[in-house]
Amino acid sequence: MRTILQYTEPDATLTKQQLLAWAQQYREVLFFDSNNYHRKYAEYDAILAVDAFTSIITDYHKAFEDLAMYRKTTADWIFGYMAYDLKNDTEALTSNNFDGLGFADLFFFQPKKIFLLNGDVLELRYLAMCDDEMEGDIEEIRNYELGITNELPPATNNQQLTTINARISKESYIDKADQMLAHIHRGDIYEANLCMEFYAEDAIIDPLETYNKLNAVSEPPFAVFLKNYKHYLLSASPERYLKKEGDRVISQPIKGTARRSSNLAEDEAIKLALAANEKERSENIMIVDLVRNDLSHTAEKGSVRVEELCVPYTFKQVHHLISTVVAEVGNDVWPEDILKTTFPMGSMTGAPKISAMQIIEKLEETKRGLYSGAVGYFTPYGDFDFNVVIRSILYNEQKKYVSFSVGSAITAEAIPENEYEECLLKARAMRQVLEAAMTNATCQ
C-alpha cells in the first residue's frame, strides 16, 4: 500500500533540480524529465523514484519471464531498464563484443518513495513503512541548497577525464558502412543501424553535475538520470520506445536527422528540407513498417495504425523525423509480451530485424549494453512507458570508465562519409559536456 500526498509547488523547474539533488543520498535513483516538451501522449512533467524496497537484477536468460514474475509479485510501481542484449532472450543471438561498462542486462526496483510532478502539483507516493517521512522529506527538499550550475564550464574539483577516444577510426567506420551496404545490395537486409563508441578510461566525473549540463544542452523530452550504486546513466534521449495506457500501445520511432542553425530562416529551411528528403523519409518509413509488424504480434486484429508519418520535430540541437504508431491490445495480453515481441526497438536495429542484429554484432566492436536499450517504469495496473537509450553517457564509477555511443541508419542510398558526419552531429552534446569537464580538470 502507498500513502499519497499532494503539494503545490510554484517553481517546477527549481523543484526538479532540488528533487534530483536531494535524491543522491540513495543507492537507487531513477529520474525522468520531460523538460516540458509538449508531445502527444505525455503524462508527467517529471518522475522521481528512490530507495529500493525490492529489486531484480539479471542477465538476458529468461529475462522477460523473470520480469513478468517480479512485476506480478510486487503488484506495485517498478522502475528500471532493459539493456540491448535482451535480444538474446528474444532470438537465438549472442553478444561477444568488448564491454567496458559491465551493466547488468536487466534491472528493476520497487521504490520506497515516488514523486510525480505535473505543472505545479507534486504528488508523493510512499510505501506505508516510510509514510511518516513525507513531511520531513518535503521540508528537506524545499530547503536543499543547490550547489550546481548548468553552465559550460565550470566543472567541479573532483572531475578528472583522460582523453575521449573513438573505439574505431573514421576510416574504419566508413569501411564497416561499406560492408553494411554490401549486405543491403545482396538483399540480406534493407536497413541497419551502425553504431560506434567514444570512451575515456581512468575517468572521474560528477554524475549529477554532468547530467544537469547534458540536459541543459539538449532539453529532450525523455531525459533520464539513473543511479544503481556505482552504475550511472545520464540520458538526453529524444525518443520514446513504447508506452501502454489501458488497451492502447504507442510507439514513436525516430529516423531522420538534420542540424539546427542559429539563423531562423535557414533553420526553417533545413527543417523543411529534412521533411522532404527521400533518403531520410525512406529510413523512417522502413522502421515504421517494422514497428507495425512487431506490434501486430500482440495487437487486436486490424488495430495497428500510423497516426503520424515522418513529421519533423525540432529539438535544441537537431531536427528529427518522428512517426507515431498505435495499436490496441486485449486485457489478456501481458505487458512483458508486448515488450518482448517489439524489443529491441526497430529504430536501433534494422530490417529485417534478426538479420540486421546479426550483421550489427559482426561489424560493431563494442557490446551495446544499456545503449540502444530502454529505461522506464510499470504502474500497478500494467501500464508502462519506456524511452530509447540514445544521446546518453554511461559511467561505471568503480571502473572509472565513461562511454557514449552514436549511430546512423545505413540504407541503399547511404553515403558512408555522410553517415559518419551524422554520428558526430549526434555526439556533439555529449562530447561537449565531457570535454568541458576534461579541460577544466586539466587546468586545476
Protein backbone atom coordinates (compact mmCIF):
# COMPACT_ATOMS: atom_id res chain seq x y z
CA MET A 1 0.00 0.00 0.00
CA ARG A 2 1.14 3.53 -0.75
CA THR A 3 0.26 6.73 1.05
CA ILE A 4 -0.43 9.64 -1.30
CA LEU A 5 0.08 13.35 -0.53
CA GLN A 6 -0.07 16.33 -2.88
CA TYR A 7 1.71 19.68 -2.65
CA THR A 8 1.54 22.78 -4.80
CA GLU A 9 4.97 23.96 -5.90
CA PRO A 10 5.13 27.41 -7.54
CA ASP A 11 8.51 26.84 -9.24
CA ALA A 12 8.51 23.47 -11.00
CA THR A 13 11.97 23.90 -12.55
CA LEU A 14 13.54 24.58 -9.18
CA THR A 15 11.63 21.67 -7.68
CA LYS A 16 13.02 19.25 -10.28
CA GLN A 17 16.60 20.30 -9.59
CA GLN A 18 16.11 20.14 -5.84
CA LEU A 19 14.39 16.74 -6.07
CA LEU A 20 17.26 15.19 -8.00
CA ALA A 21 19.99 16.76 -5.87
CA TRP A 22 18.26 15.59 -2.68
CA ALA A 23 17.86 12.07 -4.13
CA GLN A 24 21.63 11.49 -4.40
CA GLN A 25 21.72 10.20 -0.81
CA TYR A 26 20.07 6.97 -2.01
CA ARG A 27 21.68 3.92 -3.59
CA GLU A 28 18.96 3.60 -6.27
CA VAL A 29 17.67 6.67 -8.11
CA LEU A 30 15.65 6.96 -11.30
CA PHE A 31 14.57 10.40 -12.52
CA PHE A 32 12.60 11.20 -15.69
CA ASP A 33 12.36 14.75 -17.02
CA SER A 34 10.15 15.78 -19.96
CA ASN A 35 11.74 19.24 -19.96
CA ASN A 36 8.17 20.48 -20.54
CA TYR A 37 8.46 19.44 -24.19
CA HIS A 38 4.86 19.15 -25.28
CA ARG A 39 4.49 15.87 -27.15
CA LYS A 40 1.43 13.75 -27.70
CA TYR A 41 0.89 11.11 -25.02
CA ALA A 42 2.90 12.98 -22.38
CA GLU A 43 1.72 12.12 -18.85
CA TYR A 44 4.07 13.65 -16.26
CA ASP A 45 6.46 16.60 -16.31
CA ALA A 46 8.89 14.64 -14.13
CA ILE A 47 9.06 11.46 -12.07
CA LEU A 48 11.50 10.53 -9.30
CA ALA A 49 11.79 7.06 -7.75
CA VAL A 50 14.32 6.33 -4.97
CA ASP A 51 15.41 3.75 -2.42
CA ALA A 52 14.69 0.15 -3.41
CA PHE A 53 12.43 -1.91 -1.18
CA THR A 54 12.83 -4.88 -3.54
CA SER A 55 14.71 -5.29 -6.82
CA ILE A 56 15.58 -7.68 -9.63
CA ILE A 57 18.89 -7.74 -11.47
CA THR A 58 19.72 -10.45 -14.01
CA ASP A 59 21.27 -11.37 -17.34
CA TYR A 60 19.29 -11.93 -20.52
CA HIS A 61 18.43 -15.61 -19.92
CA LYS A 62 14.62 -15.79 -19.40
CA ALA A 63 14.76 -12.09 -18.51
CA PHE A 64 11.26 -11.20 -19.72
CA GLU A 65 9.79 -14.18 -17.88
CA ASP A 66 11.59 -13.12 -14.69
CA LEU A 67 10.44 -9.52 -15.15
CA ALA A 68 6.82 -10.62 -15.52
CA MET A 69 7.02 -12.67 -12.34
CA TYR A 70 8.64 -9.80 -10.45
CA ARG A 71 6.03 -7.27 -11.61
CA LYS A 72 3.19 -9.64 -10.74
CA THR A 73 4.67 -10.35 -7.30
CA THR A 74 5.18 -6.70 -6.36
CA ALA A 75 1.85 -5.52 -7.83
CA ASP A 76 3.30 -2.02 -7.48
CA TRP A 77 5.18 0.68 -9.37
CA ILE A 78 8.54 -0.65 -10.57
CA PHE A 79 11.29 1.30 -12.32
CA GLY A 80 14.34 0.18 -14.25
CA TYR A 81 15.90 -0.72 -17.56
CA MET A 82 16.23 -3.35 -20.27
CA ALA A 83 19.63 -3.48 -21.99
CA TYR A 84 20.00 -4.07 -25.72
CA ASP A 85 21.32 -7.58 -25.18
CA LEU A 86 17.92 -8.82 -24.02
CA LYS A 87 17.71 -9.52 -27.77
CA ASN A 88 19.43 -12.78 -26.83
CA ASP A 89 16.31 -13.71 -24.85
CA THR A 90 14.00 -12.98 -27.78
CA GLU A 91 16.05 -14.64 -30.55
CA ALA A 92 18.95 -17.09 -30.98
CA LEU A 93 21.56 -14.32 -30.83
CA THR A 94 24.79 -13.68 -28.94
CA SER A 95 26.83 -10.72 -27.70
CA ASN A 96 30.58 -11.24 -27.63
CA ASN A 97 31.98 -7.75 -28.28
CA PHE A 98 34.04 -5.73 -25.82
CA ASP A 99 32.18 -4.39 -22.77
CA GLY A 100 33.97 -1.74 -20.71
CA LEU A 101 30.94 -0.78 -18.60
CA GLY A 102 29.65 -4.01 -17.07
CA PHE A 103 25.97 -3.11 -16.68
CA ALA A 104 23.51 -5.93 -15.99
CA ASP A 105 21.12 -6.85 -18.81
CA LEU A 106 18.03 -6.10 -16.74
CA PHE A 107 17.44 -4.13 -13.55
CA PHE A 108 14.18 -3.04 -11.92
CA PHE A 109 13.34 -1.90 -8.41
CA GLN A 110 10.28 -1.22 -6.31
CA PRO A 111 10.96 2.20 -4.76
CA LYS A 112 10.01 3.15 -1.24
CA LYS A 113 9.44 6.74 -2.38
CA ILE A 114 7.92 8.09 -5.61
CA PHE A 115 7.46 11.73 -6.65
CA LEU A 116 5.16 12.65 -9.58
CA LEU A 117 5.33 16.23 -10.87
CA ASN A 118 2.67 17.75 -13.12
CA GLY A 119 2.68 21.52 -13.55
CA ASP A 120 2.83 22.99 -10.06
CA VAL A 121 1.44 19.86 -8.36
CA LEU A 122 3.91 17.49 -6.71
CA GLU A 123 2.45 14.15 -5.65
CA LEU A 124 4.23 11.84 -3.20
CA ARG A 125 3.54 8.10 -3.15
CA TYR A 126 5.36 6.39 -0.26
CA LEU A 127 5.22 2.80 0.92
CA ALA A 128 3.41 2.63 4.25
CA MET A 129 6.63 1.75 6.09
CA CYS A 130 8.05 5.21 5.47
CA ASP A 131 4.97 7.44 5.10
CA ASP A 132 5.89 9.21 8.35
CA GLU A 133 8.91 10.65 6.47
CA MET A 134 6.83 12.55 3.91
CA GLU A 135 6.58 15.91 5.67
CA GLY A 136 10.24 15.84 6.68
CA ASP A 137 11.39 14.94 3.17
CA ILE A 138 9.40 17.78 1.62
CA GLU A 139 10.92 20.22 4.06
CA GLU A 140 14.42 18.91 3.26
CA ILE A 141 13.82 19.21 -0.49
CA ARG A 142 12.45 22.75 -0.25
CA ASN A 143 15.47 23.86 1.77
CA TYR A 144 18.02 21.89 -0.24
CA GLU A 145 20.99 24.01 -1.24
CA LEU A 146 21.75 23.59 -4.92
CA GLY A 147 25.49 23.62 -5.46
CA ILE A 148 25.14 23.02 -9.20
CA THR A 149 25.21 25.02 -12.39
CA ASN A 150 24.07 24.22 -15.89
CA GLU A 151 26.71 26.42 -17.45
CA LEU A 152 29.57 25.01 -19.52
CA PRO A 153 32.13 25.40 -17.95
CA PRO A 154 32.99 25.23 -14.99
CA ALA A 155 33.44 21.70 -13.68
CA THR A 156 33.87 20.63 -10.08
CA ASN A 157 37.24 19.94 -8.49
CA ASN A 158 36.61 16.20 -8.36
CA GLN A 159 36.15 15.86 -12.12
CA GLN A 160 39.01 14.23 -13.96
CA LEU A 161 38.95 12.94 -17.51
CA THR A 162 41.58 11.48 -19.72
CA THR A 163 41.28 11.82 -23.48
CA ILE A 164 37.98 10.89 -25.10
CA ASN A 165 38.78 8.17 -27.63
CA ALA A 166 36.82 6.77 -30.55
CA ARG A 167 36.66 2.99 -30.44
CA ILE A 168 37.06 2.94 -34.24
CA SER A 169 38.55 5.46 -36.65
CA LYS A 170 36.67 7.38 -39.34
CA GLU A 171 38.23 5.10 -41.95
CA SER A 172 37.10 2.02 -40.06
CA TYR A 173 33.55 3.31 -39.69
CA ILE A 174 33.36 4.05 -43.41
CA ASP A 175 34.72 0.57 -44.21
CA LYS A 176 32.09 -1.02 -41.95
CA ALA A 177 29.38 1.11 -43.57
CA ASP A 178 30.57 -0.14 -46.96
CA GLN A 179 30.30 -3.72 -45.69
CA MET A 180 26.78 -2.95 -44.47
CA LEU A 181 25.93 -1.59 -47.91
CA ALA A 182 27.23 -4.80 -49.48
CA HIS A 183 24.76 -6.78 -47.33
CA ILE A 184 21.98 -4.43 -48.47
CA HIS A 185 22.89 -4.80 -52.14
CA ARG A 186 22.89 -8.61 -51.76
CA GLY A 187 19.41 -8.43 -50.29
CA ASP A 188 20.36 -9.64 -46.80
CA ILE A 189 18.79 -6.54 -45.20
CA TYR A 190 17.14 -3.28 -46.21
CA GLU A 191 18.46 -1.10 -43.40
CA ALA A 192 20.62 -1.37 -40.29
CA ASN A 193 21.83 0.96 -37.55
CA LEU A 194 25.64 1.06 -37.37
CA CYS A 195 26.99 2.41 -34.07
CA MET A 196 30.36 3.45 -32.67
CA GLU A 197 31.59 4.10 -29.13
CA PHE A 198 33.50 7.03 -27.64
CA TYR A 199 35.07 6.39 -24.25
CA ALA A 200 37.51 7.54 -21.58
CA GLU A 201 39.38 5.43 -19.06
CA ASP A 202 40.57 6.44 -15.57
CA ALA A 203 37.73 8.96 -15.58
CA ILE A 204 36.28 10.61 -12.50
CA ILE A 205 33.17 12.69 -13.12
CA ASP A 206 30.37 14.12 -11.01
CA PRO A 207 27.35 12.24 -12.42
CA LEU A 208 24.75 14.73 -11.20
CA GLU A 209 26.58 17.76 -12.50
CA THR A 210 27.32 16.05 -15.80
CA TYR A 211 23.65 15.09 -16.20
CA ASN A 212 22.46 18.60 -15.44
CA LYS A 213 24.80 20.07 -18.05
CA LEU A 214 23.87 17.47 -20.67
CA ASN A 215 20.18 18.05 -20.02
CA ALA A 216 20.64 21.83 -20.29
CA VAL A 217 22.44 21.47 -23.62
CA SER A 218 19.74 19.25 -25.15
CA GLU A 219 16.48 19.67 -23.15
CA PRO A 220 14.95 16.46 -24.58
CA PRO A 221 11.51 15.04 -23.72
CA PHE A 222 12.79 11.70 -22.37
CA ALA A 223 15.76 12.70 -20.24
CA VAL A 224 16.82 10.21 -17.56
CA PHE A 225 19.18 10.16 -14.59
CA LEU A 226 19.72 6.59 -13.36
CA LYS A 227 21.87 5.56 -10.42
CA ASN A 228 22.26 1.96 -9.34
CA TYR A 229 25.06 2.12 -6.76
CA LYS A 230 28.20 2.67 -8.92
CA HIS A 231 26.46 2.49 -12.30
CA TYR A 232 25.07 5.67 -13.87
CA LEU A 233 23.05 6.52 -16.96
CA LEU A 234 22.91 10.22 -17.91
CA SER A 235 20.49 10.34 -20.81
CA ALA A 236 19.31 13.14 -23.08
CA SER A 237 17.05 10.90 -25.13
CA PRO A 238 14.54 12.50 -27.51
CA GLU A 239 12.83 9.19 -28.32
CA ARG A 240 10.02 7.14 -26.85
CA TYR A 241 10.30 3.39 -27.38
CA LEU A 242 6.91 2.18 -26.20
CA LYS A 243 4.07 3.32 -23.97
CA LYS A 244 0.99 1.42 -22.81
CA GLU A 245 -2.03 3.20 -21.37
CA GLY A 246 -5.04 0.99 -20.84
CA ASP A 247 -5.61 -1.01 -24.01
CA ARG A 248 -3.57 1.35 -26.23
CA VAL A 249 0.10 0.88 -27.13
CA ILE A 250 2.10 3.75 -28.64
CA SER A 251 5.47 3.67 -30.43
CA GLN A 252 7.21 6.84 -31.66
CA PRO A 253 10.33 5.88 -33.65
CA ILE A 254 12.85 8.49 -34.76
CA LYS A 255 14.67 8.19 -38.05
CA GLY A 256 15.94 11.24 -39.93
CA THR A 257 18.24 13.92 -38.51
CA ALA A 258 19.36 17.39 -39.55
CA ARG A 259 21.41 20.08 -37.84
CA ARG A 260 19.99 23.30 -36.36
CA SER A 261 21.01 26.80 -37.45
CA SER A 262 21.15 29.99 -35.39
CA ASN A 263 19.67 31.79 -38.41
CA LEU A 264 15.88 31.40 -38.15
CA ALA A 265 15.23 31.39 -41.89
CA GLU A 266 18.00 28.90 -42.56
CA ASP A 267 16.85 26.74 -39.65
CA GLU A 268 13.32 26.55 -41.05
CA ALA A 269 14.71 25.73 -44.48
CA ILE A 270 16.78 22.89 -43.01
CA LYS A 271 13.70 21.52 -41.26
CA LEU A 272 11.61 21.62 -44.45
CA ALA A 273 14.44 20.01 -46.42
CA LEU A 274 14.60 17.19 -43.87
CA ALA A 275 10.86 16.58 -44.18
CA ALA A 276 11.23 16.31 -47.98
CA ASN A 277 14.47 14.27 -48.02
CA GLU A 278 13.70 10.95 -49.69
CA LYS A 279 16.61 9.12 -48.09
CA GLU A 280 15.64 10.25 -44.57
CA ARG A 281 11.96 9.52 -45.19
CA SER A 282 12.71 6.05 -46.54
CA GLU A 283 14.69 5.26 -43.36
CA ASN A 284 11.75 6.32 -41.24
CA ILE A 285 9.12 4.52 -43.30
CA MET A 286 11.06 1.23 -43.24
CA ILE A 287 11.21 1.39 -39.43
CA VAL A 288 7.51 2.28 -39.26
CA ASP A 289 6.74 -0.87 -41.26
CA LEU A 290 8.91 -2.89 -38.87
CA VAL A 291 7.15 -1.38 -35.83
CA ARG A 292 3.74 -2.13 -37.34
CA ASN A 293 4.79 -5.75 -37.83
CA ASP A 294 6.18 -6.02 -34.29
CA LEU A 295 3.04 -4.57 -32.71
CA SER A 296 0.82 -6.90 -34.73
CA HIS A 297 2.10 -9.88 -32.70
CA THR A 298 0.09 -8.79 -29.65
CA ALA A 299 -2.41 -6.26 -31.09
CA GLU A 300 -6.09 -6.79 -31.74
CA LYS A 301 -6.60 -7.69 -35.39
CA GLY A 302 -6.77 -4.61 -37.63
CA SER A 303 -5.97 -2.18 -34.80
CA VAL A 304 -2.41 -1.17 -35.79
CA ARG A 305 -2.37 2.23 -37.47
CA VAL A 306 0.01 5.09 -38.20
CA GLU A 307 -1.08 8.36 -36.57
CA GLU A 308 1.90 10.42 -37.74
CA LEU A 309 4.34 9.68 -40.55
CA CYS A 310 7.69 11.46 -40.94
CA VAL A 311 6.68 14.58 -39.04
CA PRO A 312 9.61 16.97 -38.39
CA TYR A 313 10.14 17.85 -34.72
CA THR A 314 12.60 20.47 -33.51
CA PHE A 315 14.94 19.95 -30.57
CA LYS A 316 17.62 22.17 -29.13
CA GLN A 317 20.49 20.54 -31.05
CA VAL A 318 18.84 18.90 -34.08
CA HIS A 319 15.66 18.37 -36.10
CA HIS A 320 14.24 14.83 -36.25
CA LEU A 321 11.61 12.99 -38.29
CA ILE A 322 9.24 11.17 -35.92
CA SER A 323 6.37 8.82 -36.65
CA THR A 324 3.67 7.62 -34.26
CA VAL A 325 2.27 4.09 -34.50
CA VAL A 326 -0.57 2.93 -32.22
CA ALA A 327 -2.31 -0.37 -31.59
CA GLU A 328 -4.99 -1.83 -29.33
CA VAL A 329 -4.31 -4.86 -27.11
CA GLY A 330 -6.64 -7.19 -25.26
CA ASN A 331 -6.88 -7.47 -21.48
CA ASP A 332 -5.38 -10.96 -21.67
CA VAL A 333 -2.07 -9.70 -23.13
CA TRP A 334 0.77 -9.44 -20.64
CA PRO A 335 2.79 -6.20 -20.79
CA GLU A 336 6.03 -8.18 -20.97
CA ASP A 337 4.81 -9.98 -24.10
CA ILE A 338 4.30 -6.60 -25.81
CA LEU A 339 7.85 -5.64 -24.88
CA LYS A 340 9.39 -8.99 -25.81
CA THR A 341 7.83 -9.02 -29.29
CA THR A 342 9.00 -5.46 -30.07
CA PHE A 343 12.44 -5.38 -28.38
CA PRO A 344 14.97 -4.15 -29.29
CA MET A 345 13.26 -1.23 -30.97
CA GLY A 346 13.38 -1.07 -34.76
CA SER A 347 14.98 2.37 -34.85
CA MET A 348 18.15 0.94 -33.28
CA THR A 349 18.30 -2.34 -35.20
CA GLY A 350 17.07 -2.50 -38.79
CA ALA A 351 15.00 -4.52 -41.21
CA PRO A 352 14.61 -7.44 -41.30
CA LYS A 353 15.35 -7.16 -37.60
CA ILE A 354 17.04 -10.51 -36.87
CA SER A 355 19.35 -10.36 -39.89
CA ALA A 356 20.19 -6.74 -39.09
CA MET A 357 21.10 -7.64 -35.49
CA GLN A 358 23.33 -10.49 -36.65
CA ILE A 359 25.22 -8.17 -39.01
CA ILE A 360 25.42 -5.44 -36.38
CA GLU A 361 27.04 -7.86 -33.95
CA LYS A 362 29.60 -8.84 -36.59
CA LEU A 363 30.54 -5.29 -37.64
CA GLU A 364 30.39 -3.32 -34.38
CA GLU A 365 33.29 -3.61 -31.93
CA THR A 366 31.57 -2.71 -28.67
CA LYS A 367 28.79 -4.51 -26.81
CA ARG A 368 25.92 -2.03 -26.76
CA GLY A 369 24.75 -2.89 -23.26
CA LEU A 370 22.29 -0.31 -21.96
CA TYR A 371 22.87 1.87 -25.03
CA SER A 372 20.06 1.04 -27.50
CA GLY A 373 18.09 -0.39 -24.61
CA ALA A 374 15.20 1.22 -22.76
CA VAL A 375 14.57 2.87 -19.38
CA GLY A 376 11.13 3.28 -17.91
CA TYR A 377 8.52 2.10 -15.44
CA PHE A 378 5.43 -0.03 -14.89
CA THR A 379 2.37 1.13 -12.95
CA PRO A 380 0.49 -1.26 -10.64
CA TYR A 381 -2.13 -1.63 -13.39
CA GLY A 382 0.26 -2.96 -16.05
CA ASP A 383 0.70 0.30 -17.95
CA PHE A 384 4.24 1.30 -18.85
CA ASP A 385 6.38 3.95 -20.55
CA PHE A 386 9.94 3.46 -21.86
CA ASN A 387 12.42 5.67 -23.69
CA VAL A 388 15.17 4.67 -26.12
CA VAL A 389 18.64 4.94 -24.58
CA ILE A 390 20.39 7.21 -27.07
CA ARG A 391 22.28 10.52 -26.64
CA SER A 392 23.40 9.06 -23.32
CA ILE A 393 26.53 8.97 -21.18
CA LEU A 394 27.16 5.72 -19.30
CA TYR A 395 29.52 5.68 -16.33
CA ASN A 396 30.91 2.89 -14.18
CA GLU A 397 32.27 4.74 -11.16
CA GLN A 398 34.09 1.70 -9.81
CA LYS A 399 35.91 1.01 -13.09
CA LYS A 400 36.33 4.75 -13.80
CA TYR A 401 35.07 4.09 -17.31
CA VAL A 402 32.82 6.58 -19.11
CA SER A 403 31.28 5.95 -22.52
CA PHE A 404 28.80 7.20 -25.06
CA SER A 405 27.78 5.71 -28.39
CA VAL A 406 26.12 7.06 -31.51
CA GLY A 407 24.88 5.52 -34.72
CA SER A 408 23.39 6.13 -38.12
CA ALA A 409 20.94 4.19 -40.28
CA ILE A 410 22.53 2.62 -43.34
CA THR A 411 20.22 2.18 -46.33
CA ALA A 412 20.88 1.60 -50.04
CA GLU A 413 21.08 5.38 -50.57
CA ALA A 414 23.57 5.92 -47.74
CA ILE A 415 26.88 7.71 -48.35
CA PRO A 416 29.26 6.38 -45.67
CA GLU A 417 31.09 9.70 -45.20
CA ASN A 418 27.76 11.45 -44.58
CA GLU A 419 26.68 8.78 -42.11
CA TYR A 420 29.92 9.30 -40.17
CA GLU A 421 29.23 13.05 -40.04
CA GLU A 422 25.73 12.33 -38.74
CA CYS A 423 27.30 10.31 -35.93
CA LEU A 424 29.49 13.28 -34.99
CA LEU A 425 26.44 15.57 -35.01
CA LYS A 426 24.61 13.28 -32.61
CA ALA A 427 27.70 13.05 -30.40
CA ARG A 428 28.12 16.82 -30.13
CA ALA A 429 26.23 17.47 -26.89
CA MET A 430 27.77 14.52 -25.02
CA ARG A 431 31.28 15.32 -26.20
CA GLN A 432 30.81 18.99 -25.31
CA VAL A 433 29.83 18.13 -21.76
CA LEU A 434 32.66 15.63 -21.19
CA GLU A 435 35.37 17.70 -22.88
CA ALA A 436 34.42 20.70 -20.73
CA ALA A 437 34.96 18.51 -17.68
CA MET A 438 38.27 17.25 -19.10
CA THR A 439 39.53 20.75 -19.95
CA ASN A 440 38.72 22.18 -16.56
CA ALA A 441 40.18 19.20 -14.73
CA THR A 442 43.43 19.69 -16.67
CA CYS A 443 43.55 23.35 -15.71
CA GLN A 444 43.09 22.70 -11.99
